[in-house]
N, C-alpha and C. Protein backbone atom coordinates (compact mmCIF):
# COMPACT_ATOMS: atom_id res chain seq x y z
N MET A 1 46.54 -245.89 -64.28
CA MET A 1 46.84 -244.70 -63.52
C MET A 1 48.14 -244.92 -62.75
N PRO A 2 49.11 -244.01 -62.88
CA PRO A 2 50.39 -244.19 -62.17
C PRO A 2 50.19 -244.04 -60.67
N GLU A 3 51.02 -244.77 -59.94
CA GLU A 3 50.96 -244.70 -58.48
C GLU A 3 51.53 -243.37 -58.01
N ALA A 4 50.93 -242.81 -56.95
CA ALA A 4 51.36 -241.53 -56.40
C ALA A 4 52.77 -241.63 -55.84
N GLU A 5 53.52 -240.55 -55.98
CA GLU A 5 54.87 -240.49 -55.42
C GLU A 5 54.79 -240.53 -53.90
N ARG A 6 55.63 -241.34 -53.28
CA ARG A 6 55.66 -241.47 -51.82
C ARG A 6 56.89 -240.78 -51.27
N VAL A 7 56.73 -240.22 -50.09
CA VAL A 7 57.86 -239.59 -49.39
C VAL A 7 57.96 -240.21 -48.00
N LEU A 8 59.18 -240.27 -47.50
CA LEU A 8 59.43 -240.83 -46.18
C LEU A 8 58.98 -239.83 -45.13
N LEU A 9 58.05 -240.26 -44.28
CA LEU A 9 57.53 -239.39 -43.23
C LEU A 9 58.28 -239.59 -41.92
N ALA A 10 58.53 -240.86 -41.57
CA ALA A 10 59.17 -241.15 -40.28
C ALA A 10 59.85 -242.50 -40.32
N THR A 11 60.85 -242.64 -39.49
CA THR A 11 61.54 -243.91 -39.30
C THR A 11 61.55 -244.19 -37.80
N VAL A 12 61.09 -245.38 -37.42
CA VAL A 12 61.05 -245.77 -36.02
C VAL A 12 61.78 -247.10 -35.86
N MET A 13 62.05 -247.46 -34.63
CA MET A 13 62.85 -248.66 -34.40
C MET A 13 62.07 -249.84 -33.82
N ASN A 14 60.76 -249.66 -33.57
CA ASN A 14 60.01 -250.81 -33.06
C ASN A 14 58.60 -250.85 -33.63
N GLY A 15 58.06 -252.04 -33.69
CA GLY A 15 56.75 -252.26 -34.28
C GLY A 15 55.62 -251.59 -33.54
N GLU A 16 55.73 -251.48 -32.23
CA GLU A 16 54.68 -250.85 -31.44
C GLU A 16 54.52 -249.38 -31.80
N GLU A 17 55.64 -248.68 -31.89
CA GLU A 17 55.58 -247.26 -32.24
C GLU A 17 55.07 -247.09 -33.66
N ALA A 18 55.52 -247.95 -34.56
CA ALA A 18 55.05 -247.89 -35.95
C ALA A 18 53.54 -248.09 -36.02
N SER A 19 53.02 -249.04 -35.26
CA SER A 19 51.57 -249.30 -35.26
C SER A 19 50.79 -248.11 -34.71
N LEU A 20 51.29 -247.50 -33.65
CA LEU A 20 50.63 -246.33 -33.08
C LEU A 20 50.59 -245.17 -34.08
N LEU A 21 51.72 -244.92 -34.72
CA LEU A 21 51.77 -243.82 -35.68
C LEU A 21 50.90 -244.13 -36.90
N GLU A 22 50.95 -245.37 -37.36
CA GLU A 22 50.12 -245.75 -38.50
C GLU A 22 48.64 -245.54 -38.16
N GLY A 23 48.22 -245.97 -36.99
CA GLY A 23 46.83 -245.80 -36.58
C GLY A 23 46.42 -244.35 -36.49
N ALA A 24 47.28 -243.51 -35.94
CA ALA A 24 46.98 -242.08 -35.82
C ALA A 24 46.85 -241.44 -37.20
N LEU A 25 47.74 -241.82 -38.11
CA LEU A 25 47.69 -241.26 -39.46
C LEU A 25 46.44 -241.73 -40.20
N ARG A 26 46.13 -243.01 -40.10
CA ARG A 26 44.93 -243.54 -40.77
C ARG A 26 43.67 -242.90 -40.19
N ALA A 27 43.64 -242.68 -38.87
CA ALA A 27 42.49 -242.03 -38.23
C ALA A 27 42.31 -240.60 -38.74
N ALA A 28 43.39 -239.99 -39.17
CA ALA A 28 43.34 -238.63 -39.72
C ALA A 28 43.03 -238.65 -41.22
N GLY A 29 42.78 -239.84 -41.77
CA GLY A 29 42.44 -239.96 -43.18
C GLY A 29 43.63 -239.96 -44.12
N ILE A 30 44.79 -240.27 -43.58
CA ILE A 30 46.02 -240.25 -44.38
C ILE A 30 46.39 -241.66 -44.79
N ASP A 31 46.66 -241.82 -46.08
CA ASP A 31 47.09 -243.11 -46.62
C ASP A 31 48.57 -243.31 -46.28
N VAL A 32 48.87 -244.34 -45.52
CA VAL A 32 50.25 -244.57 -45.08
C VAL A 32 50.67 -245.99 -45.45
N VAL A 33 51.92 -246.12 -45.86
CA VAL A 33 52.50 -247.43 -46.15
C VAL A 33 53.61 -247.66 -45.13
N VAL A 34 53.58 -248.83 -44.49
CA VAL A 34 54.59 -249.17 -43.49
C VAL A 34 55.54 -250.18 -44.11
N GLU A 35 56.82 -249.85 -44.10
CA GLU A 35 57.86 -250.72 -44.65
C GLU A 35 58.75 -251.17 -43.50
N SER A 36 58.72 -252.44 -43.21
CA SER A 36 59.54 -252.96 -42.13
C SER A 36 60.81 -253.57 -42.70
N ARG A 37 61.94 -253.11 -42.19
CA ARG A 37 63.23 -253.68 -42.55
C ARG A 37 63.81 -254.39 -41.33
N ARG A 38 62.90 -254.81 -40.46
CA ARG A 38 63.30 -255.39 -39.18
C ARG A 38 64.04 -256.71 -39.39
N PHE A 39 65.16 -256.81 -38.74
CA PHE A 39 65.96 -258.02 -38.72
C PHE A 39 66.59 -258.11 -37.35
N SER A 40 66.45 -259.23 -36.72
CA SER A 40 67.08 -259.38 -35.41
C SER A 40 67.51 -260.81 -35.20
N GLN A 41 68.53 -260.95 -34.44
CA GLN A 41 68.99 -262.25 -33.97
C GLN A 41 69.01 -262.10 -32.47
N GLU A 42 67.96 -262.59 -31.82
CA GLU A 42 67.78 -262.35 -30.39
C GLU A 42 69.05 -262.69 -29.62
N PRO A 43 69.45 -261.89 -28.68
CA PRO A 43 68.80 -260.71 -28.14
C PRO A 43 69.30 -259.42 -28.76
N VAL A 44 69.92 -259.46 -29.93
CA VAL A 44 70.53 -258.28 -30.53
C VAL A 44 69.70 -257.80 -31.71
N GLN A 45 69.55 -256.48 -31.80
CA GLN A 45 68.94 -255.87 -32.98
C GLN A 45 70.06 -255.20 -33.75
N PHE A 46 70.03 -255.29 -35.05
CA PHE A 46 71.13 -254.83 -35.87
C PHE A 46 70.93 -253.42 -36.42
N GLY A 47 70.90 -252.44 -35.56
CA GLY A 47 70.86 -251.03 -35.96
C GLY A 47 69.87 -250.72 -37.05
N LEU A 48 70.34 -250.13 -38.14
CA LEU A 48 69.46 -249.71 -39.21
C LEU A 48 68.82 -250.88 -39.97
N LEU A 49 69.29 -252.08 -39.73
CA LEU A 49 68.63 -253.24 -40.33
C LEU A 49 67.30 -253.51 -39.64
N GLY A 50 67.01 -252.78 -38.59
CA GLY A 50 65.79 -253.01 -37.85
C GLY A 50 64.81 -251.86 -37.92
N ASP A 51 65.03 -250.91 -38.81
CA ASP A 51 64.14 -249.76 -38.83
C ASP A 51 62.83 -250.06 -39.55
N ILE A 52 61.82 -249.28 -39.20
CA ILE A 52 60.50 -249.38 -39.81
C ILE A 52 60.18 -247.99 -40.34
N ARG A 53 59.82 -247.93 -41.61
CA ARG A 53 59.61 -246.64 -42.26
C ARG A 53 58.13 -246.43 -42.57
N LEU A 54 57.68 -245.21 -42.37
CA LEU A 54 56.31 -244.84 -42.72
C LEU A 54 56.36 -243.87 -43.89
N TRP A 55 55.67 -244.24 -44.97
CA TRP A 55 55.65 -243.47 -46.20
C TRP A 55 54.24 -242.93 -46.45
N VAL A 56 54.16 -241.72 -46.94
CA VAL A 56 52.88 -241.12 -47.33
C VAL A 56 53.03 -240.53 -48.72
N THR A 57 51.90 -240.20 -49.35
CA THR A 57 51.98 -239.58 -50.66
C THR A 57 52.53 -238.17 -50.51
N ALA A 58 53.23 -237.72 -51.54
CA ALA A 58 53.78 -236.36 -51.52
C ALA A 58 52.66 -235.35 -51.32
N GLU A 59 51.50 -235.64 -51.88
CA GLU A 59 50.35 -234.75 -51.77
C GLU A 59 49.88 -234.60 -50.32
N GLN A 60 49.99 -235.66 -49.53
CA GLN A 60 49.52 -235.64 -48.14
C GLN A 60 50.62 -235.36 -47.13
N GLU A 61 51.83 -235.10 -47.59
CA GLU A 61 52.96 -234.96 -46.66
C GLU A 61 52.75 -233.85 -45.62
N GLY A 62 52.31 -232.69 -46.03
CA GLY A 62 52.13 -231.58 -45.10
C GLY A 62 51.11 -231.90 -44.01
N VAL A 63 49.98 -232.44 -44.43
CA VAL A 63 48.92 -232.80 -43.48
C VAL A 63 49.42 -233.92 -42.56
N ALA A 64 50.15 -234.88 -43.13
CA ALA A 64 50.66 -236.00 -42.35
C ALA A 64 51.65 -235.53 -41.29
N ARG A 65 52.53 -234.60 -41.65
CA ARG A 65 53.50 -234.09 -40.67
C ARG A 65 52.80 -233.37 -39.52
N LYS A 66 51.76 -232.60 -39.84
CA LYS A 66 51.01 -231.91 -38.79
C LYS A 66 50.29 -232.91 -37.89
N ALA A 67 49.70 -233.95 -38.49
CA ALA A 67 49.01 -234.97 -37.70
C ALA A 67 49.99 -235.70 -36.80
N LEU A 68 51.17 -236.01 -37.34
CA LEU A 68 52.20 -236.70 -36.58
C LEU A 68 52.68 -235.85 -35.40
N GLU A 69 52.92 -234.56 -35.66
CA GLU A 69 53.34 -233.65 -34.59
C GLU A 69 52.26 -233.54 -33.51
N SER A 70 51.03 -233.46 -33.94
CA SER A 70 49.92 -233.37 -33.00
C SER A 70 49.83 -234.63 -32.14
N PHE A 71 49.94 -235.78 -32.79
CA PHE A 71 49.86 -237.05 -32.07
C PHE A 71 51.03 -237.20 -31.11
N GLN A 72 52.23 -236.90 -31.55
CA GLN A 72 53.40 -237.06 -30.70
C GLN A 72 53.44 -236.02 -29.60
N GLY A 73 52.68 -234.94 -29.73
CA GLY A 73 52.65 -233.90 -28.72
C GLY A 73 51.57 -234.12 -27.67
N GLU A 74 50.77 -235.18 -27.81
CA GLU A 74 49.72 -235.45 -26.83
C GLU A 74 50.34 -235.74 -25.47
N PRO A 75 49.79 -235.19 -24.40
CA PRO A 75 50.34 -235.47 -23.08
C PRO A 75 50.09 -236.92 -22.67
N THR A 76 51.02 -237.46 -21.97
CA THR A 76 50.83 -238.81 -21.44
C THR A 76 49.98 -238.72 -20.19
N PHE A 77 49.49 -239.84 -19.71
CA PHE A 77 48.67 -239.90 -18.50
C PHE A 77 49.41 -239.23 -17.34
N ALA A 78 50.72 -239.49 -17.23
CA ALA A 78 51.49 -238.95 -16.11
C ALA A 78 51.60 -237.42 -16.18
N GLU A 79 51.49 -236.84 -17.39
CA GLU A 79 51.64 -235.40 -17.54
C GLU A 79 50.32 -234.65 -17.37
N MET A 80 49.20 -235.36 -17.37
CA MET A 80 47.89 -234.71 -17.30
C MET A 80 47.60 -234.21 -15.90
N PRO A 81 46.93 -233.06 -15.83
CA PRO A 81 46.50 -232.59 -14.51
C PRO A 81 45.52 -233.60 -13.90
N PRO A 82 45.53 -233.77 -12.60
CA PRO A 82 44.68 -234.78 -11.94
C PRO A 82 43.21 -234.66 -12.30
N GLU A 83 42.72 -233.43 -12.49
CA GLU A 83 41.29 -233.28 -12.80
C GLU A 83 40.94 -233.78 -14.20
N LEU A 84 41.92 -233.92 -15.09
CA LEU A 84 41.68 -234.43 -16.44
C LEU A 84 41.96 -235.91 -16.58
N ALA A 85 42.73 -236.44 -15.67
CA ALA A 85 43.11 -237.86 -15.75
C ALA A 85 41.93 -238.72 -15.34
N ASP A 86 41.61 -239.69 -16.19
CA ASP A 86 40.54 -240.64 -15.89
C ASP A 86 41.18 -241.88 -15.31
N ASP A 87 41.10 -242.06 -14.01
CA ASP A 87 41.77 -243.18 -13.37
C ASP A 87 40.78 -244.28 -12.98
N ASP A 88 39.76 -244.52 -13.83
CA ASP A 88 38.81 -245.61 -13.57
C ASP A 88 39.46 -246.95 -13.77
């Protein structure tokens, strides 16, 4: 069986953001492939040589974009009204 065509969903510059987005997409049932092109010589990062790409199947692209927009649109703790913020 041929492998599904993949499309580039997002490009980020750090591993933490890539991990968060990957987790959100996987939680939504989306198959995601993370490609790291990270290269650094401390303390310098070399621009596009350090990007991390998230790929999804062409079939799941629309759902993945909506999930990504939803995740990135979530309010941060600082933006939440006090009655909704859980400060335990």
